Structure formats: structure tokens, C-alpha cells
């Protein structure tokens, strides 16, 4: 996987890790943004689901700003397909290579972020949210249990090593 790339996740992942709060895979058509490799365990990556429901998430961001609260859980920006999308950082989760089906393509080209600045902003927000997740902080009632998923993925990687 290429850092900052967009990918389609295999439906098999959703079958194996059937957390009720994982964002739907939309028949393997929802792009997920690969943000970074896990710093604790080699082979695990963190991805962020995307949404085109920008108005909904813009309203959430505005409410948080008005209340003078930070909003690291979401980010909205333009992509290389000239569409504005919401990064649902609050819903990020770990994954391993075997569940990455393919890069997300738009008119035959890999979808990308417009500008390095956006990459850095998302990376910074995602690291903050991952740190909260790793400490067991529950910041939304509909939060994916990323730690349970990560534990399962570590077990899978361990089994793969033992079977080689």
C-alpha cells in the first residue's frame, strides 16, 4: 500500500470483523484513505472511511467550533476528482494487506489528495485520534472497537508467520 493512497477494502474484512459501527463497504465501493502504518506492530495499517455527505459533517464541525471544541474527528477537503469529501477520522480502523482489494480509481487513475498540506492535517488529526483509541478513550457512542479489530489482525499476522 502507498501512504496517503485510497483503497477499496475486501468485503471479507467486514465479514470477519463485523463491528456494528464500521462504516458500510457499499459493495466494495467506499474509498478508504490509508493514513499511516501502526507504530507498534509491523503489518498493520490505519485507514479512514470517506463520505460524500459533506453538508452533514460540515454542520458537525461548525457546532464544535461554535462550542470552542477541537474537531480532530473529521476533515473535509477536495480530492483529485474535484469532489469535496469528508474524512471520517473518528471511524478509522486498523487493517492488514490481505484485506486490501485494490486501489480506488477514478476514471482509471488512483484517487489522491490535492496538496501536501491536507495530508499533514489529516495525519496530525488521525494520530491524535489513534492515541485516544489506543488509550481506550470512547469519544463517540458509535465508535468502532478498533482495539478488538487490531487484536484480531495481530493474531492473523502471527498465525501467518507460524504457518510459513
C-alpha atoms as a PDB file:
ATOM      1  CA  UNK A   1       0.000   0.000   0.000  1.00  0.00           C
ATOM      2  CA  UNK A   2       1.111   3.508  -0.727  1.00  0.00           C
ATOM      3  CA  UNK A   3       0.888   6.023   2.099  1.00  0.00           C
ATOM      4  CA  UNK A   4      -1.828   8.614   1.510  1.00  0.00           C
ATOM      5  CA  UNK A   5      -3.463   6.347  -1.088  1.00  0.00           C
ATOM      6  CA  UNK A   6      -7.135   5.465  -1.373  1.00  0.00           C
ATOM      7  CA  UNK A   7      -8.177   1.832  -1.359  1.00  0.00           C
ATOM      8  CA  UNK A   8     -11.146  -0.485  -1.566  1.00  0.00           C
ATOM      9  CA  UNK A   9     -11.435  -2.971   1.275  1.00  0.00           C
ATOM     10  CA  UNK A  10     -12.489  -6.550   0.628  1.00  0.00           C
ATOM     11  CA  UNK A  11     -15.939  -7.459   1.953  1.00  0.00           C
ATOM     12  CA  UNK A  12     -14.233 -10.411   3.664  1.00  0.00           C
ATOM     13  CA  UNK A  13     -12.846  -7.986   6.243  1.00  0.00           C
ATOM     14  CA  UNK A  14     -16.362  -6.860   7.131  1.00  0.00           C
ATOM     15  CA  UNK A  15     -17.497 -10.463   7.470  1.00  0.00           C
ATOM     16  CA  UNK A  16     -14.598 -11.373   9.729  1.00  0.00           C
ATOM     17  CA  UNK A  17     -14.709  -8.175  11.805  1.00  0.00           C
ATOM     18  CA  UNK A  18     -18.419  -7.462  11.945  1.00  0.00           C
ATOM     19  CA  UNK A  19     -18.290  -4.466  14.251  1.00  0.00           C
ATOM     20  CA  UNK A  20     -21.720  -2.777  14.066  1.00  0.00           C
ATOM     21  CA  UNK A  21     -20.103   0.659  13.856  1.00  0.00           C
ATOM     22  CA  UNK A  22     -17.828   0.043  10.887  1.00  0.00           C
ATOM     23  CA  UNK A  23     -18.996   2.223   8.023  1.00  0.00           C
ATOM     24  CA  UNK A  24     -20.649   0.113   5.316  1.00  0.00           C
ATOM     25  CA  UNK A  25     -18.410  -1.002   2.499  1.00  0.00           C
ATOM     26  CA  UNK A  26     -21.064  -0.135  -0.122  1.00  0.00           C
ATOM     27  CA  UNK A  27     -20.474  -3.324  -2.135  1.00  0.00           C
ATOM     28  CA  UNK A  28     -16.709  -2.734  -2.140  1.00  0.00           C
ATOM     29  CA  UNK A  29     -17.138   0.776  -3.486  1.00  0.00           C
ATOM     30  CA  UNK A  30     -16.400   3.024  -0.464  1.00  0.00           C
ATOM     31  CA  UNK A  31     -12.916   4.502  -0.640  1.00  0.00           C
ATOM     32  CA  UNK A  32     -10.751   4.308   2.474  1.00  0.00           C
ATOM     33  CA  UNK A  33      -7.791   6.607   2.944  1.00  0.00           C
ATOM     34  CA  UNK A  34      -4.562   4.941   4.069  1.00  0.00           C
ATOM     35  CA  UNK A  35      -3.100   7.259   6.626  1.00  0.00           C
ATOM     36  CA  UNK A  36      -0.180   5.504   8.331  1.00  0.00           C
ATOM     37  CA  UNK A  37       1.422   2.266   9.423  1.00  0.00           C
ATOM     38  CA  UNK A  38       0.925   1.232  13.036  1.00  0.00           C
ATOM     39  CA  UNK A  39       3.973   2.156  15.091  1.00  0.00           C
ATOM     40  CA  UNK A  40       3.520  -0.775  17.473  1.00  0.00           C
ATOM     41  CA  UNK A  41       3.004  -3.705  15.132  1.00  0.00           C
ATOM     42  CA  UNK A  42       4.549  -4.250  11.701  1.00  0.00           C
ATOM     43  CA  UNK A  43       1.992  -5.137   9.012  1.00  0.00           C
ATOM     44  CA  UNK A  44      -0.938  -3.192  10.462  1.00  0.00           C
ATOM     45  CA  UNK A  45      -2.138  -0.011   8.796  1.00  0.00           C
ATOM     46  CA  UNK A  46      -4.759   2.550   9.765  1.00  0.00           C
ATOM     47  CA  UNK A  47      -7.412   3.635   7.262  1.00  0.00           C
ATOM     48  CA  UNK A  48     -10.081   6.310   7.338  1.00  0.00           C
ATOM     49  CA  UNK A  49     -13.506   5.851   5.713  1.00  0.00           C
ATOM     50  CA  UNK A  50     -14.750   8.578   3.402  1.00  0.00           C
ATOM     51  CA  UNK A  51     -18.167  10.151   2.883  1.00  0.00           C
ATOM     52  CA  UNK A  52     -19.712  12.418   0.287  1.00  0.00           C
ATOM     53  CA  UNK A  53     -22.244  13.681   2.846  1.00  0.00           C
ATOM     54  CA  UNK A  54     -20.204  16.843   3.279  1.00  0.00           C
ATOM     55  CA  UNK A  55     -23.098  19.036   4.469  1.00  0.00           C
ATOM     56  CA  UNK A  56     -23.833  16.709   7.389  1.00  0.00           C
ATOM     57  CA  UNK A  57     -20.226  16.681   8.561  1.00  0.00           C
ATOM     58  CA  UNK A  58     -19.686  20.390   7.923  1.00  0.00           C
ATOM     59  CA  UNK A  59     -22.557  21.058  10.332  1.00  0.00           C
ATOM     60  CA  UNK A  60     -20.889  18.891  12.987  1.00  0.00           C
ATOM     61  CA  UNK A  61     -17.595  20.733  12.547  1.00  0.00           C
ATOM     62  CA  UNK A  62     -19.354  24.104  12.800  1.00  0.00           C
ATOM     63  CA  UNK A  63     -21.170  23.077  16.021  1.00  0.00           C
ATOM     64  CA  UNK A  64     -17.860  22.038  17.580  1.00  0.00           C
ATOM     65  CA  UNK A  65     -16.186  25.297  16.518  1.00  0.00           C
ATOM     66  CA  UNK A  66     -19.036  27.360  17.986  1.00  0.00           C
ATOM     67  CA  UNK A  67     -18.641  25.459  21.258  1.00  0.00           C
ATOM     68  CA  UNK A  68     -14.864  26.165  21.117  1.00  0.00           C
ATOM     69  CA  UNK A  69     -14.100  22.431  20.986  1.00  0.00           C
ATOM     70  CA  UNK A  70     -11.435  20.785  18.839  1.00  0.00           C
ATOM     71  CA  UNK A  71     -12.614  18.795  15.841  1.00  0.00           C
ATOM     72  CA  UNK A  72      -9.998  16.173  15.112  1.00  0.00           C
ATOM     73  CA  UNK A  73     -12.691  13.582  14.385  1.00  0.00           C
ATOM     74  CA  UNK A  74     -13.466  14.914  10.894  1.00  0.00           C
ATOM     75  CA  UNK A  75     -11.763  16.655   7.997  1.00  0.00           C
ATOM     76  CA  UNK A  76     -13.216  17.978   4.764  1.00  0.00           C
ATOM     77  CA  UNK A  77     -11.204  18.686   1.633  1.00  0.00           C
ATOM     78  CA  UNK A  78     -11.074  18.404  -2.147  1.00  0.00           C
ATOM     79  CA  UNK A  79      -9.705  15.303  -3.861  1.00  0.00           C
ATOM     80  CA  UNK A  80      -8.102  14.826  -7.265  1.00  0.00           C
ATOM     81  CA  UNK A  81     -11.531  14.051  -8.770  1.00  0.00           C
ATOM     82  CA  UNK A  82     -12.524  17.684  -7.954  1.00  0.00           C
ATOM     83  CA  UNK A  83     -15.070  16.485  -5.396  1.00  0.00           C
ATOM     84  CA  UNK A  84     -15.120  17.529  -1.776  1.00  0.00           C
ATOM     85  CA  UNK A  85     -15.251  14.618   0.665  1.00  0.00           C
ATOM     86  CA  UNK A  86     -15.382  14.147   4.408  1.00  0.00           C
ATOM     87  CA  UNK A  87     -12.704  12.062   6.110  1.00  0.00           C
ATOM     88  CA  UNK A  88     -14.400  10.247   8.997  1.00  0.00           C
ATOM     89  CA  UNK A  89     -11.349  10.137  11.230  1.00  0.00           C
ATOM     90  CA  UNK A  90     -13.491   9.166  14.208  1.00  0.00           C
ATOM     91  CA  UNK A  91     -14.291   5.921  12.359  1.00  0.00           C
ATOM     92  CA  UNK A  92     -10.722   4.958  11.442  1.00  0.00           C
ATOM     93  CA  UNK A  93      -9.658   1.373  11.996  1.00  0.00           C
ATOM     94  CA  UNK A  94      -6.678  -0.931  11.503  1.00  0.00           C
ATOM     95  CA  UNK A  95      -6.278  -3.325   8.586  1.00  0.00           C
ATOM     96  CA  UNK A  96      -3.712  -5.658   7.020  1.00  0.00           C
ATOM     97  CA  UNK A  97      -2.680  -6.105   3.370  1.00  0.00           C
ATOM     98  CA  UNK A  98      -4.746  -9.224   2.782  1.00  0.00           C
ATOM     99  CA  UNK A  99      -7.970  -7.221   3.149  1.00  0.00           C
ATOM    100  CA  UNK A 100      -6.994  -4.516   0.665  1.00  0.00           C
ATOM    101  CA  UNK A 101      -8.780  -5.423  -2.538  1.00  0.00           C
ATOM    102  CA  UNK A 102      -7.378  -2.734  -4.836  1.00  0.00           C
ATOM    103  CA  UNK A 103      -6.575   0.959  -5.161  1.00  0.00           C
ATOM    104  CA  UNK A 104      -9.594   3.222  -5.558  1.00  0.00           C
ATOM    105  CA  UNK A 105      -9.590   4.506  -9.128  1.00  0.00           C
ATOM    106  CA  UNK A 106     -11.363   7.478 -10.651  1.00  0.00           C
ATOM    107  CA  UNK A 107     -11.521   7.369 -14.446  1.00  0.00           C
ATOM    108  CA  UNK A 108      -8.724   4.801 -14.409  1.00  0.00           C
ATOM    109  CA  UNK A 109      -6.402   6.859 -12.183  1.00  0.00           C
ATOM    110  CA  UNK A 110      -5.708   6.445  -8.470  1.00  0.00           C
ATOM    111  CA  UNK A 111      -7.613   8.955  -6.362  1.00  0.00           C
ATOM    112  CA  UNK A 112      -5.289  11.314  -4.470  1.00  0.00           C
ATOM    113  CA  UNK A 113      -5.425  14.245  -2.094  1.00  0.00           C
ATOM    114  CA  UNK A 114      -4.910  17.704  -3.500  1.00  0.00           C
ATOM    115  CA  UNK A 115      -1.960  19.196  -1.673  1.00  0.00           C
ATOM    116  CA  UNK A 116       0.588  18.058   0.857  1.00  0.00           C
ATOM    117  CA  UNK A 117      -0.888  20.412   3.455  1.00  0.00           C
ATOM    118  CA  UNK A 118      -4.091  18.356   3.578  1.00  0.00           C
ATOM    119  CA  UNK A 119      -2.064  15.156   4.047  1.00  0.00           C
ATOM    120  CA  UNK A 120      -0.303  16.674   7.037  1.00  0.00           C
ATOM    121  CA  UNK A 121      -3.507  17.968   8.612  1.00  0.00           C
ATOM    122  CA  UNK A 122      -5.231  14.596   8.279  1.00  0.00           C
ATOM    123  CA  UNK A 123      -2.134  12.753   9.527  1.00  0.00           C
ATOM    124  CA  UNK A 124      -1.965  15.005  12.588  1.00  0.00           C
ATOM    125  CA  UNK A 125      -5.670  14.589  13.406  1.00  0.00           C
ATOM    126  CA  UNK A 126      -5.525  10.834  12.811  1.00  0.00           C
ATOM    127  CA  UNK A 127      -2.537  10.396  15.121  1.00  0.00           C
ATOM    128  CA  UNK A 128      -4.420  12.220  17.887  1.00  0.00           C
ATOM    129  CA  UNK A 129      -7.493  10.045  17.418  1.00  0.00           C
ATOM    130  CA  UNK A 130      -5.415   6.850  17.248  1.00  0.00           C
ATOM    131  CA  UNK A 131      -3.738   7.793  20.530  1.00  0.00           C
ATOM    132  CA  UNK A 132      -7.166   8.211  22.134  1.00  0.00           C
ATOM    133  CA  UNK A 133      -8.298   4.868  20.719  1.00  0.00           C
ATOM    134  CA  UNK A 134      -5.143   3.129  21.950  1.00  0.00           C
ATOM    135  CA  UNK A 135      -5.766   4.516  25.461  1.00  0.00           C
ATOM    136  CA  UNK A 136      -9.335   3.171  25.393  1.00  0.00           C
ATOM    137  CA  UNK A 137     -10.994   6.589  25.242  1.00  0.00           C
ATOM    138  CA  UNK A 138     -14.542   6.419  23.911  1.00  0.00           C
ATOM    139  CA  UNK A 139     -15.301   9.759  22.251  1.00  0.00           C
ATOM    140  CA  UNK A 140     -18.463   8.832  20.354  1.00  0.00           C
ATOM    141  CA  UNK A 141     -21.280   6.387  21.179  1.00  0.00           C
ATOM    142  CA  UNK A 142     -20.991   4.856  17.695  1.00  0.00           C
ATOM    143  CA  UNK A 143     -17.253   4.246  17.885  1.00  0.00           C
ATOM    144  CA  UNK A 144     -15.694   1.284  16.108  1.00  0.00           C
ATOM    145  CA  UNK A 145     -13.963  -1.081  18.527  1.00  0.00           C
ATOM    146  CA  UNK A 146     -10.635  -0.672  16.754  1.00  0.00           C
ATOM    147  CA  UNK A 147      -8.684  -2.335  19.576  1.00  0.00           C
ATOM    148  CA  UNK A 148     -10.628  -5.592  19.179  1.00  0.00           C
ATOM    149  CA  UNK A 149     -10.044  -5.460  15.414  1.00  0.00           C
ATOM    150  CA  UNK A 150      -6.337  -4.762  15.930  1.00  0.00           C
ATOM    151  CA  UNK A 151      -6.042  -7.697  18.336  1.00  0.00           C
ATOM    152  CA  UNK A 152      -7.647  -9.988  15.743  1.00  0.00           C
ATOM    153  CA  UNK A 153      -5.352  -8.702  12.999  1.00  0.00           C
ATOM    154  CA  UNK A 154      -2.275  -9.259  15.170  1.00  0.00           C
ATOM    155  CA  UNK A 155      -3.463 -12.830  15.728  1.00  0.00           C
ATOM    156  CA  UNK A 156      -3.914 -13.313  11.973  1.00  0.00           C
ATOM    157  CA  UNK A 157      -0.413 -11.984  11.262  1.00  0.00           C
ATOM    158  CA  UNK A 158       1.009 -14.243  13.963  1.00  0.00           C
ATOM    159  CA  UNK A 159      -0.764 -17.296  12.512  1.00  0.00           C
ATOM    160  CA  UNK A 160       0.500 -16.454   9.024  1.00  0.00           C
ATOM    161  CA  UNK A 161       4.093 -16.295  10.340  1.00  0.00           C
ATOM    162  CA  UNK A 162       3.710 -19.608  12.159  1.00  0.00           C
ATOM    163  CA  UNK A 163       2.302 -21.307   9.042  1.00  0.00           C
ATOM    164  CA  UNK A 164       5.257 -20.293   6.857  1.00  0.00           C
END
